[in-house]
Amino acid sequence: MTPDERRFSLLTGLAWELRRMSIGSYVTLPRTGEAVLYVRRPGGALLSVLAVQHNGRWLLMWSPSMSASGDDVILAARRIATFVQSGCAA
């Protein structure tokens, strides 16, 4: 699997888990650049979630100080859902 395919797989898996938690989101595939997951926040604002490689591992990042391992998208979805529902600013 290429890095772009892995990134897409992680983000779509995360979107699916968020959906199971009643959190709306969508994945974009720009013509150039990398896939991004956008999560709907209360009031309609969007939170951007990136899948990035760091030291040979995948991380899901939604703010400079908030990230989760790509090894467990269910845990990442729970953390993102908590973040979104708490109304924290990203």
N, C-alpha and C. Protein backbone atom coordinates (compact mmCIF):
# COMPACT_ATOMS: atom_id res chain seq x y z
N MET A 1 0.85 -1.17 0.00
CA MET A 1 0.00 0.00 0.00
C MET A 1 0.91 1.24 0.00
N THR A 2 0.61 2.18 -0.88
CA THR A 2 1.40 3.41 -0.94
C THR A 2 1.04 4.31 0.25
N PRO A 3 1.90 5.29 0.58
CA PRO A 3 1.55 6.22 1.66
C PRO A 3 0.22 6.95 1.40
N ASP A 4 -0.05 7.35 0.17
CA ASP A 4 -1.31 8.02 -0.13
C ASP A 4 -2.50 7.09 0.09
N GLU A 5 -2.36 5.82 -0.28
CA GLU A 5 -3.43 4.85 -0.07
C GLU A 5 -3.64 4.60 1.43
N ARG A 6 -2.54 4.51 2.18
CA ARG A 6 -2.64 4.30 3.63
C ARG A 6 -3.32 5.49 4.30
N ARG A 7 -2.93 6.70 3.89
CA ARG A 7 -3.53 7.91 4.44
C ARG A 7 -5.05 7.90 4.20
N PHE A 8 -5.46 7.61 2.96
CA PHE A 8 -6.87 7.56 2.62
C PHE A 8 -7.59 6.50 3.46
N SER A 9 -6.97 5.33 3.59
CA SER A 9 -7.56 4.24 4.36
C SER A 9 -7.77 4.63 5.82
N LEU A 10 -6.77 5.27 6.42
CA LEU A 10 -6.89 5.72 7.81
C LEU A 10 -8.01 6.74 7.97
N LEU A 11 -8.05 7.70 7.07
CA LEU A 11 -9.05 8.76 7.19
C LEU A 11 -10.46 8.25 6.95
N THR A 12 -10.64 7.35 6.00
CA THR A 12 -11.99 6.82 5.77
C THR A 12 -12.41 5.90 6.92
N GLY A 13 -11.47 5.15 7.46
CA GLY A 13 -11.78 4.34 8.64
C GLY A 13 -12.17 5.21 9.83
N LEU A 14 -11.46 6.30 10.00
CA LEU A 14 -11.78 7.23 11.07
C LEU A 14 -13.16 7.86 10.84
N ALA A 15 -13.45 8.25 9.59
CA ALA A 15 -14.77 8.82 9.26
C ALA A 15 -15.88 7.83 9.60
N TRP A 16 -15.66 6.56 9.29
CA TRP A 16 -16.67 5.54 9.57
C TRP A 16 -16.91 5.42 11.08
N GLU A 17 -15.84 5.40 11.86
CA GLU A 17 -15.99 5.29 13.31
C GLU A 17 -16.68 6.53 13.88
N LEU A 18 -16.36 7.71 13.37
CA LEU A 18 -17.02 8.93 13.82
C LEU A 18 -18.51 8.88 13.49
N ARG A 19 -18.84 8.34 12.32
CA ARG A 19 -20.25 8.22 11.92
C ARG A 19 -21.00 7.33 12.91
N ARG A 20 -20.36 6.26 13.35
CA ARG A 20 -20.99 5.37 14.34
C ARG A 20 -21.25 6.10 15.66
N MET A 21 -20.52 7.22 15.88
CA MET A 21 -20.68 8.03 17.09
C MET A 21 -21.56 9.25 16.82
N SER A 22 -22.24 9.25 15.67
CA SER A 22 -23.12 10.35 15.26
C SER A 22 -22.38 11.67 15.05
N ILE A 23 -21.14 11.57 14.59
CA ILE A 23 -20.34 12.75 14.25
C ILE A 23 -20.17 12.75 12.74
N GLY A 24 -20.66 13.80 12.08
CA GLY A 24 -20.56 13.90 10.63
C GLY A 24 -19.17 14.33 10.18
N SER A 25 -18.74 13.85 9.03
CA SER A 25 -17.43 14.21 8.48
C SER A 25 -17.41 13.90 7.00
N TYR A 26 -16.37 14.37 6.34
CA TYR A 26 -16.15 13.98 4.95
C TYR A 26 -14.67 14.04 4.63
N VAL A 27 -14.25 13.21 3.68
CA VAL A 27 -12.86 13.15 3.24
C VAL A 27 -12.76 13.84 1.89
N THR A 28 -11.74 14.68 1.74
CA THR A 28 -11.49 15.31 0.45
C THR A 28 -10.25 14.70 -0.18
N LEU A 29 -10.29 14.58 -1.49
CA LEU A 29 -9.15 14.09 -2.26
C LEU A 29 -8.82 15.16 -3.29
N PRO A 30 -7.98 16.12 -2.91
CA PRO A 30 -7.66 17.18 -3.87
C PRO A 30 -6.86 16.64 -5.05
N ARG A 31 -6.94 17.36 -6.15
CA ARG A 31 -6.20 16.97 -7.36
C ARG A 31 -4.71 16.89 -7.08
N THR A 32 -4.22 17.83 -6.30
CA THR A 32 -2.83 17.79 -5.84
C THR A 32 -2.86 17.90 -4.33
N GLY A 33 -1.89 17.37 -3.68
CA GLY A 33 -1.85 17.39 -2.22
C GLY A 33 -2.38 16.09 -1.63
N GLU A 34 -2.66 16.14 -0.35
CA GLU A 34 -3.03 14.94 0.39
C GLU A 34 -4.48 14.97 0.85
N ALA A 35 -5.02 13.79 1.10
CA ALA A 35 -6.39 13.66 1.60
C ALA A 35 -6.49 14.29 2.99
N VAL A 36 -7.66 14.87 3.26
CA VAL A 36 -7.94 15.49 4.55
C VAL A 36 -9.35 15.06 4.97
N LEU A 37 -9.52 14.80 6.25
CA LEU A 37 -10.84 14.53 6.82
C LEU A 37 -11.32 15.80 7.50
N TYR A 38 -12.54 16.22 7.18
CA TYR A 38 -13.15 17.36 7.85
C TYR A 38 -14.28 16.85 8.72
N VAL A 39 -14.27 17.26 9.98
CA VAL A 39 -15.27 16.83 10.95
C VAL A 39 -16.17 18.02 11.27
N ARG A 40 -17.47 17.79 11.18
CA ARG A 40 -18.44 18.86 11.50
C ARG A 40 -18.50 19.07 13.01
N ARG A 41 -18.41 20.34 13.39
CA ARG A 41 -18.49 20.72 14.80
C ARG A 41 -19.84 21.36 15.07
N PRO A 42 -20.25 21.43 16.33
CA PRO A 42 -21.48 22.14 16.64
C PRO A 42 -21.42 23.56 16.06
N GLY A 43 -22.48 23.98 15.43
CA GLY A 43 -22.49 25.29 14.81
C GLY A 43 -22.03 25.27 13.37
N GLY A 44 -21.56 24.12 12.88
CA GLY A 44 -21.20 23.98 11.48
C GLY A 44 -19.74 24.19 11.13
N ALA A 45 -18.92 24.65 12.08
CA ALA A 45 -17.49 24.82 11.79
C ALA A 45 -16.86 23.45 11.51
N LEU A 46 -15.76 23.46 10.79
CA LEU A 46 -15.08 22.22 10.43
C LEU A 46 -13.75 22.08 11.16
N LEU A 47 -13.45 20.87 11.57
CA LEU A 47 -12.16 20.53 12.15
C LEU A 47 -11.41 19.68 11.14
N SER A 48 -10.19 20.07 10.79
CA SER A 48 -9.37 19.31 9.84
C SER A 48 -8.59 18.24 10.58
N VAL A 49 -8.59 17.03 10.03
CA VAL A 49 -7.82 15.93 10.58
C VAL A 49 -6.88 15.43 9.48
N LEU A 50 -5.60 15.34 9.81
CA LEU A 50 -4.59 14.87 8.86
C LEU A 50 -4.04 13.53 9.32
N ALA A 51 -3.65 12.72 8.36
CA ALA A 51 -2.92 11.48 8.65
C ALA A 51 -1.49 11.70 8.16
N VAL A 52 -0.54 11.64 9.09
CA VAL A 52 0.86 11.93 8.76
C VAL A 52 1.77 10.82 9.27
N GLN A 53 2.85 10.62 8.55
CA GLN A 53 3.86 9.67 9.00
C GLN A 53 4.88 10.41 9.84
N HIS A 54 5.23 9.82 10.98
CA HIS A 54 6.24 10.40 11.87
C HIS A 54 7.06 9.27 12.47
N ASN A 55 8.34 9.28 12.20
CA ASN A 55 9.24 8.23 12.70
C ASN A 55 8.75 6.83 12.37
N GLY A 56 8.25 6.65 11.14
CA GLY A 56 7.82 5.34 10.69
C GLY A 56 6.44 4.91 11.16
N ARG A 57 5.73 5.78 11.88
CA ARG A 57 4.38 5.45 12.37
C ARG A 57 3.40 6.47 11.82
N TRP A 58 2.14 6.08 11.79
CA TRP A 58 1.09 6.99 11.33
C TRP A 58 0.41 7.64 12.52
N LEU A 59 0.21 8.96 12.42
CA LEU A 59 -0.50 9.73 13.42
C LEU A 59 -1.71 10.40 12.78
N LEU A 60 -2.77 10.53 13.54
CA LEU A 60 -3.94 11.30 13.13
C LEU A 60 -3.89 12.57 13.96
N MET A 61 -3.79 13.72 13.30
CA MET A 61 -3.60 15.00 13.98
C MET A 61 -4.75 15.95 13.68
N TRP A 62 -5.25 16.62 14.71
CA TRP A 62 -6.34 17.58 14.52
C TRP A 62 -6.05 18.93 15.15
N SER A 63 -4.93 19.08 15.78
CA SER A 63 -4.46 20.38 16.24
C SER A 63 -2.96 20.21 16.52
N PRO A 64 -2.24 21.31 16.68
CA PRO A 64 -0.80 21.17 16.92
C PRO A 64 -0.46 20.31 18.13
N SER A 65 -1.36 20.27 19.12
CA SER A 65 -1.06 19.50 20.34
C SER A 65 -1.95 18.28 20.51
N MET A 66 -2.82 17.99 19.55
CA MET A 66 -3.73 16.86 19.68
C MET A 66 -3.51 15.87 18.54
N SER A 67 -3.19 14.65 18.92
CA SER A 67 -3.00 13.60 17.92
C SER A 67 -3.28 12.25 18.57
N ALA A 68 -3.43 11.24 17.71
CA ALA A 68 -3.63 9.87 18.18
C ALA A 68 -2.92 8.95 17.20
N SER A 69 -2.56 7.80 17.67
CA SER A 69 -1.91 6.81 16.83
C SER A 69 -2.87 6.32 15.74
N GLY A 70 -2.34 6.14 14.55
CA GLY A 70 -3.12 5.57 13.47
C GLY A 70 -3.35 4.08 13.65
N ASP A 71 -2.74 3.48 14.66
CA ASP A 71 -2.90 2.05 14.92
C ASP A 71 -4.27 1.71 15.48
N ASP A 72 -4.98 2.70 16.02
CA ASP A 72 -6.29 2.44 16.65
C ASP A 72 -7.26 3.56 16.29
N VAL A 73 -7.95 3.42 15.14
CA VAL A 73 -8.86 4.48 14.69
C VAL A 73 -10.08 4.61 15.60
N ILE A 74 -10.45 3.55 16.30
CA ILE A 74 -11.59 3.64 17.23
C ILE A 74 -11.23 4.57 18.39
N LEU A 75 -10.06 4.40 18.96
CA LEU A 75 -9.61 5.29 20.04
C LEU A 75 -9.46 6.72 19.51
N ALA A 76 -8.89 6.87 18.33
CA ALA A 76 -8.74 8.21 17.74
C ALA A 76 -10.11 8.86 17.55
N ALA A 77 -11.08 8.10 17.07
CA ALA A 77 -12.44 8.63 16.87
C ALA A 77 -13.04 9.07 18.20
N ARG A 78 -12.84 8.31 19.24
CA ARG A 78 -13.36 8.68 20.56
C ARG A 78 -12.73 9.99 21.04
N ARG A 79 -11.43 10.12 20.84
CA ARG A 79 -10.74 11.35 21.27
C ARG A 79 -11.21 12.55 20.46
N ILE A 80 -11.37 12.37 19.16
CA ILE A 80 -11.84 13.46 18.31
C ILE A 80 -13.28 13.82 18.67
N ALA A 81 -14.12 12.83 18.88
CA ALA A 81 -15.51 13.09 19.27
C ALA A 81 -15.57 13.88 20.56
N THR A 82 -14.79 13.52 21.54
CA THR A 82 -14.73 14.25 22.81
C THR A 82 -14.28 15.69 22.58
N PHE A 83 -13.25 15.85 21.76
CA PHE A 83 -12.72 17.17 21.45
C PHE A 83 -13.79 18.03 20.77
N VAL A 84 -14.46 17.47 19.78
CA VAL A 84 -15.48 18.21 19.03
C VAL A 84 -16.66 18.56 19.93
N GLN A 85 -17.12 17.61 20.71
CA GLN A 85 -18.28 17.82 21.55
C GLN A 85 -18.01 18.75 22.72
N SER A 86 -16.74 18.88 23.12
CA SER A 86 -16.39 19.77 24.22
C SER A 86 -16.36 21.23 23.80
N GLY A 87 -16.36 21.46 22.48
CA GLY A 87 -16.33 22.83 21.98
C GLY A 87 -14.95 23.46 22.02
N CYS A 88 -13.90 22.65 22.19
CA CYS A 88 -12.54 23.17 22.22
C CYS A 88 -12.20 23.84 20.88
N ALA A 89 -11.42 24.88 20.94
CA ALA A 89 -10.92 25.52 19.70
C ALA A 89 -9.69 24.76 19.24
N ALA A 90 -9.63 24.51 17.96
CA ALA A 90 -8.46 23.79 17.42
C ALA A 90 -7.36 24.75 17.07
